[in-house]
Amino acid sequence: MTNMKWFFQKQPANDIALKCDDLHCQMCADTVKQALQKVNGVVRVKVNVGKKEIAVSIDEKANITSDMLINALKPTGYIATT
């Protein structure tokens, strides 16, 4: 059996967590996810509607800030914070 310790380690430092009180349903989550995935360098977006949280994994070579992600959501009408 291979060593799977890496699988259970914390997320890499290139993840950005956002809060969004406007998340109420799966349609909200899908809209937010689609908008964030359009940002160059975004690898994965996970949305938790119940906790009103968004986890964005970015390419380690990308220079993406939380402000850039927040601004990417503005046209959708969703307001996110750090």
N, C-alpha and C. Protein backbone atom coordinates (compact mmCIF):
# COMPACT_ATOMS: atom_id res chain seq x y z
N MET A 1 0.84 -1.18 0.00
CA MET A 1 0.00 0.00 0.00
C MET A 1 0.89 1.24 0.00
N THR A 2 0.55 2.20 -0.83
CA THR A 2 1.35 3.42 -0.93
C THR A 2 1.06 4.35 0.23
N ASN A 3 2.00 5.24 0.50
CA ASN A 3 1.85 6.22 1.57
C ASN A 3 0.87 7.30 1.11
N MET A 4 -0.27 7.42 1.80
CA MET A 4 -1.28 8.40 1.40
C MET A 4 -1.34 9.58 2.34
N LYS A 5 -0.27 9.81 3.09
CA LYS A 5 -0.25 10.93 4.03
C LYS A 5 -0.53 12.25 3.32
N TRP A 6 -0.02 12.41 2.11
CA TRP A 6 -0.22 13.65 1.35
C TRP A 6 -1.70 13.90 1.09
N PHE A 7 -2.49 12.85 1.00
CA PHE A 7 -3.91 12.99 0.68
C PHE A 7 -4.67 13.68 1.81
N PHE A 8 -4.22 13.50 3.04
CA PHE A 8 -4.94 14.02 4.19
C PHE A 8 -4.34 15.32 4.73
N GLN A 9 -3.33 15.84 4.09
CA GLN A 9 -2.72 17.08 4.55
C GLN A 9 -3.61 18.27 4.24
N LYS A 10 -3.33 19.39 4.90
CA LYS A 10 -4.09 20.61 4.67
C LYS A 10 -3.98 21.04 3.21
N GLN A 11 -4.92 21.88 2.80
CA GLN A 11 -4.91 22.40 1.44
C GLN A 11 -3.67 23.27 1.24
N PRO A 12 -3.17 23.31 0.02
CA PRO A 12 -1.98 24.13 -0.24
C PRO A 12 -2.24 25.61 0.02
N ALA A 13 -1.16 26.35 0.19
CA ALA A 13 -1.26 27.78 0.51
C ALA A 13 -1.88 28.59 -0.62
N ASN A 14 -2.00 28.00 -1.80
CA ASN A 14 -2.53 28.76 -2.92
C ASN A 14 -4.06 28.63 -3.03
N ASP A 15 -4.71 28.35 -1.91
CA ASP A 15 -6.16 28.35 -1.85
C ASP A 15 -6.64 29.65 -1.22
N ILE A 16 -7.74 30.17 -1.72
CA ILE A 16 -8.31 31.40 -1.18
C ILE A 16 -9.73 31.08 -0.72
N ALA A 17 -10.03 31.45 0.53
CA ALA A 17 -11.36 31.22 1.09
C ALA A 17 -12.14 32.53 1.09
N LEU A 18 -13.38 32.46 0.65
CA LEU A 18 -14.26 33.62 0.63
C LEU A 18 -15.56 33.28 1.34
N LYS A 19 -16.23 34.29 1.86
CA LYS A 19 -17.56 34.16 2.44
C LYS A 19 -18.52 34.89 1.52
N CYS A 20 -19.73 34.34 1.39
CA CYS A 20 -20.74 34.98 0.55
C CYS A 20 -22.11 34.72 1.16
N ASP A 21 -22.64 35.72 1.86
CA ASP A 21 -23.93 35.59 2.52
C ASP A 21 -25.09 35.49 1.54
N ASP A 22 -24.83 35.80 0.27
CA ASP A 22 -25.87 35.77 -0.76
C ASP A 22 -26.16 34.36 -1.29
N LEU A 23 -25.42 33.36 -0.84
CA LEU A 23 -25.62 31.99 -1.32
C LEU A 23 -26.83 31.37 -0.62
N HIS A 24 -27.84 31.00 -1.43
CA HIS A 24 -29.06 30.43 -0.85
C HIS A 24 -29.45 29.09 -1.45
N CYS A 25 -28.94 28.78 -2.64
CA CYS A 25 -29.38 27.55 -3.31
C CYS A 25 -28.30 27.06 -4.28
N GLN A 26 -28.56 25.94 -4.91
CA GLN A 26 -27.60 25.37 -5.85
C GLN A 26 -27.42 26.27 -7.07
N MET A 27 -28.47 26.96 -7.49
CA MET A 27 -28.35 27.87 -8.63
C MET A 27 -27.37 29.00 -8.30
N CYS A 28 -27.44 29.51 -7.07
CA CYS A 28 -26.49 30.53 -6.62
C CYS A 28 -25.07 29.98 -6.70
N ALA A 29 -24.89 28.77 -6.18
CA ALA A 29 -23.57 28.14 -6.17
C ALA A 29 -23.04 27.96 -7.58
N ASP A 30 -23.89 27.52 -8.49
CA ASP A 30 -23.47 27.32 -9.88
C ASP A 30 -23.06 28.63 -10.54
N THR A 31 -23.80 29.70 -10.29
CA THR A 31 -23.49 31.00 -10.86
C THR A 31 -22.14 31.50 -10.36
N VAL A 32 -21.91 31.38 -9.06
CA VAL A 32 -20.64 31.81 -8.45
C VAL A 32 -19.49 30.98 -9.00
N LYS A 33 -19.70 29.69 -9.07
CA LYS A 33 -18.65 28.78 -9.55
C LYS A 33 -18.28 29.11 -11.00
N GLN A 34 -19.25 29.31 -11.85
CA GLN A 34 -18.99 29.62 -13.25
C GLN A 34 -18.22 30.94 -13.40
N ALA A 35 -18.60 31.94 -12.63
CA ALA A 35 -17.93 33.24 -12.71
C ALA A 35 -16.46 33.13 -12.28
N LEU A 36 -16.21 32.41 -11.21
CA LEU A 36 -14.84 32.29 -10.70
C LEU A 36 -13.97 31.41 -11.59
N GLN A 37 -14.56 30.42 -12.23
CA GLN A 37 -13.78 29.55 -13.11
C GLN A 37 -13.32 30.28 -14.37
N LYS A 38 -13.89 31.42 -14.66
CA LYS A 38 -13.47 32.20 -15.83
C LYS A 38 -12.19 32.99 -15.56
N VAL A 39 -11.80 33.11 -14.29
CA VAL A 39 -10.58 33.84 -13.93
C VAL A 39 -9.38 32.98 -14.31
N ASN A 40 -8.49 33.54 -15.10
CA ASN A 40 -7.28 32.83 -15.53
C ASN A 40 -6.45 32.41 -14.32
N GLY A 41 -6.16 31.13 -14.21
CA GLY A 41 -5.35 30.62 -13.11
C GLY A 41 -6.15 29.90 -12.05
N VAL A 42 -7.48 30.01 -12.12
CA VAL A 42 -8.32 29.28 -11.16
C VAL A 42 -8.37 27.82 -11.59
N VAL A 43 -8.05 26.93 -10.67
CA VAL A 43 -8.00 25.51 -10.95
C VAL A 43 -9.31 24.82 -10.55
N ARG A 44 -9.83 25.19 -9.37
CA ARG A 44 -11.03 24.53 -8.86
C ARG A 44 -11.78 25.49 -7.95
N VAL A 45 -13.10 25.38 -7.97
CA VAL A 45 -13.95 26.17 -7.09
C VAL A 45 -14.91 25.23 -6.38
N LYS A 46 -14.94 25.33 -5.06
CA LYS A 46 -15.89 24.56 -4.27
C LYS A 46 -16.78 25.54 -3.52
N VAL A 47 -18.08 25.33 -3.61
CA VAL A 47 -19.03 26.22 -2.96
C VAL A 47 -19.84 25.42 -1.95
N ASN A 48 -19.89 25.90 -0.72
CA ASN A 48 -20.68 25.29 0.33
C ASN A 48 -21.82 26.25 0.66
N VAL A 49 -23.01 25.97 0.15
CA VAL A 49 -24.16 26.86 0.34
C VAL A 49 -24.55 26.94 1.81
N GLY A 50 -24.55 25.82 2.50
CA GLY A 50 -24.93 25.79 3.91
C GLY A 50 -24.07 26.68 4.79
N LYS A 51 -22.78 26.66 4.54
CA LYS A 51 -21.84 27.48 5.31
C LYS A 51 -21.59 28.84 4.68
N LYS A 52 -22.13 29.03 3.46
CA LYS A 52 -21.94 30.28 2.71
C LYS A 52 -20.46 30.57 2.48
N GLU A 53 -19.73 29.51 2.11
CA GLU A 53 -18.28 29.59 1.89
C GLU A 53 -17.92 29.18 0.47
N ILE A 54 -16.84 29.80 -0.02
CA ILE A 54 -16.31 29.48 -1.33
C ILE A 54 -14.82 29.21 -1.16
N ALA A 55 -14.35 28.08 -1.66
CA ALA A 55 -12.92 27.74 -1.63
C ALA A 55 -12.43 27.73 -3.07
N VAL A 56 -11.43 28.55 -3.35
CA VAL A 56 -10.91 28.67 -4.70
C VAL A 56 -9.46 28.21 -4.71
N SER A 57 -9.16 27.18 -5.49
CA SER A 57 -7.79 26.71 -5.65
C SER A 57 -7.23 27.37 -6.90
N ILE A 58 -6.04 27.95 -6.74
CA ILE A 58 -5.42 28.64 -7.87
C ILE A 58 -4.10 27.99 -8.23
N ASP A 59 -3.74 28.14 -9.49
CA ASP A 59 -2.46 27.65 -9.97
C ASP A 59 -1.37 28.38 -9.21
N GLU A 60 -0.38 27.63 -8.73
CA GLU A 60 0.68 28.24 -7.92
C GLU A 60 1.48 29.28 -8.70
N LYS A 61 1.43 29.23 -10.01
CA LYS A 61 2.15 30.22 -10.83
C LYS A 61 1.31 31.47 -11.09
N ALA A 62 0.01 31.40 -10.81
CA ALA A 62 -0.87 32.53 -11.06
C ALA A 62 -0.75 33.55 -9.93
N ASN A 63 -0.92 34.79 -10.29
CA ASN A 63 -0.84 35.88 -9.32
C ASN A 63 -2.25 36.40 -9.08
N ILE A 64 -3.06 35.58 -8.41
CA ILE A 64 -4.46 35.92 -8.16
C ILE A 64 -4.62 36.30 -6.69
N THR A 65 -5.34 37.39 -6.47
CA THR A 65 -5.62 37.84 -5.11
C THR A 65 -7.10 37.65 -4.80
N SER A 66 -7.44 37.72 -3.54
CA SER A 66 -8.84 37.61 -3.15
C SER A 66 -9.65 38.76 -3.75
N ASP A 67 -9.05 39.94 -3.85
CA ASP A 67 -9.75 41.09 -4.45
C ASP A 67 -10.11 40.82 -5.90
N MET A 68 -9.24 40.15 -6.63
CA MET A 68 -9.53 39.81 -8.02
C MET A 68 -10.74 38.87 -8.11
N LEU A 69 -10.81 37.93 -7.20
CA LEU A 69 -11.94 36.99 -7.19
C LEU A 69 -13.23 37.70 -6.80
N ILE A 70 -13.14 38.56 -5.81
CA ILE A 70 -14.32 39.33 -5.38
C ILE A 70 -14.83 40.19 -6.53
N ASN A 71 -13.91 40.82 -7.26
CA ASN A 71 -14.30 41.65 -8.41
C ASN A 71 -14.91 40.81 -9.53
N ALA A 72 -14.46 39.58 -9.69
CA ALA A 72 -15.00 38.71 -10.72
C ALA A 72 -16.45 38.35 -10.44
N LEU A 73 -16.85 38.41 -9.19
CA LEU A 73 -18.23 38.09 -8.81
C LEU A 73 -19.17 39.28 -8.96
N LYS A 74 -18.66 40.48 -8.95
CA LYS A 74 -19.50 41.68 -8.98
C LYS A 74 -20.53 41.69 -10.11
N PRO A 75 -20.15 41.33 -11.34
CA PRO A 75 -21.16 41.34 -12.42
C PRO A 75 -22.32 40.36 -12.18
N THR A 76 -22.12 39.37 -11.35
CA THR A 76 -23.18 38.39 -11.09
C THR A 76 -24.13 38.89 -10.01
N GLY A 77 -23.73 39.92 -9.28
CA GLY A 77 -24.55 40.45 -8.19
C GLY A 77 -24.25 39.83 -6.84
N TYR A 78 -23.34 38.88 -6.80
CA TYR A 78 -22.97 38.25 -5.53
C TYR A 78 -21.80 39.02 -4.91
N ILE A 79 -21.91 39.24 -3.61
CA ILE A 79 -20.88 39.98 -2.89
C ILE A 79 -20.14 39.02 -1.96
N ALA A 80 -18.86 38.92 -2.16
CA ALA A 80 -18.03 38.03 -1.34
C ALA A 80 -17.06 38.85 -0.51
N THR A 81 -16.63 38.29 0.60
CA THR A 81 -15.64 38.91 1.46
C THR A 81 -14.61 37.86 1.87
N THR A 82 -13.51 38.33 2.45
CA THR A 82 -12.49 37.41 2.93
C THR A 82 -12.68 37.10 4.39
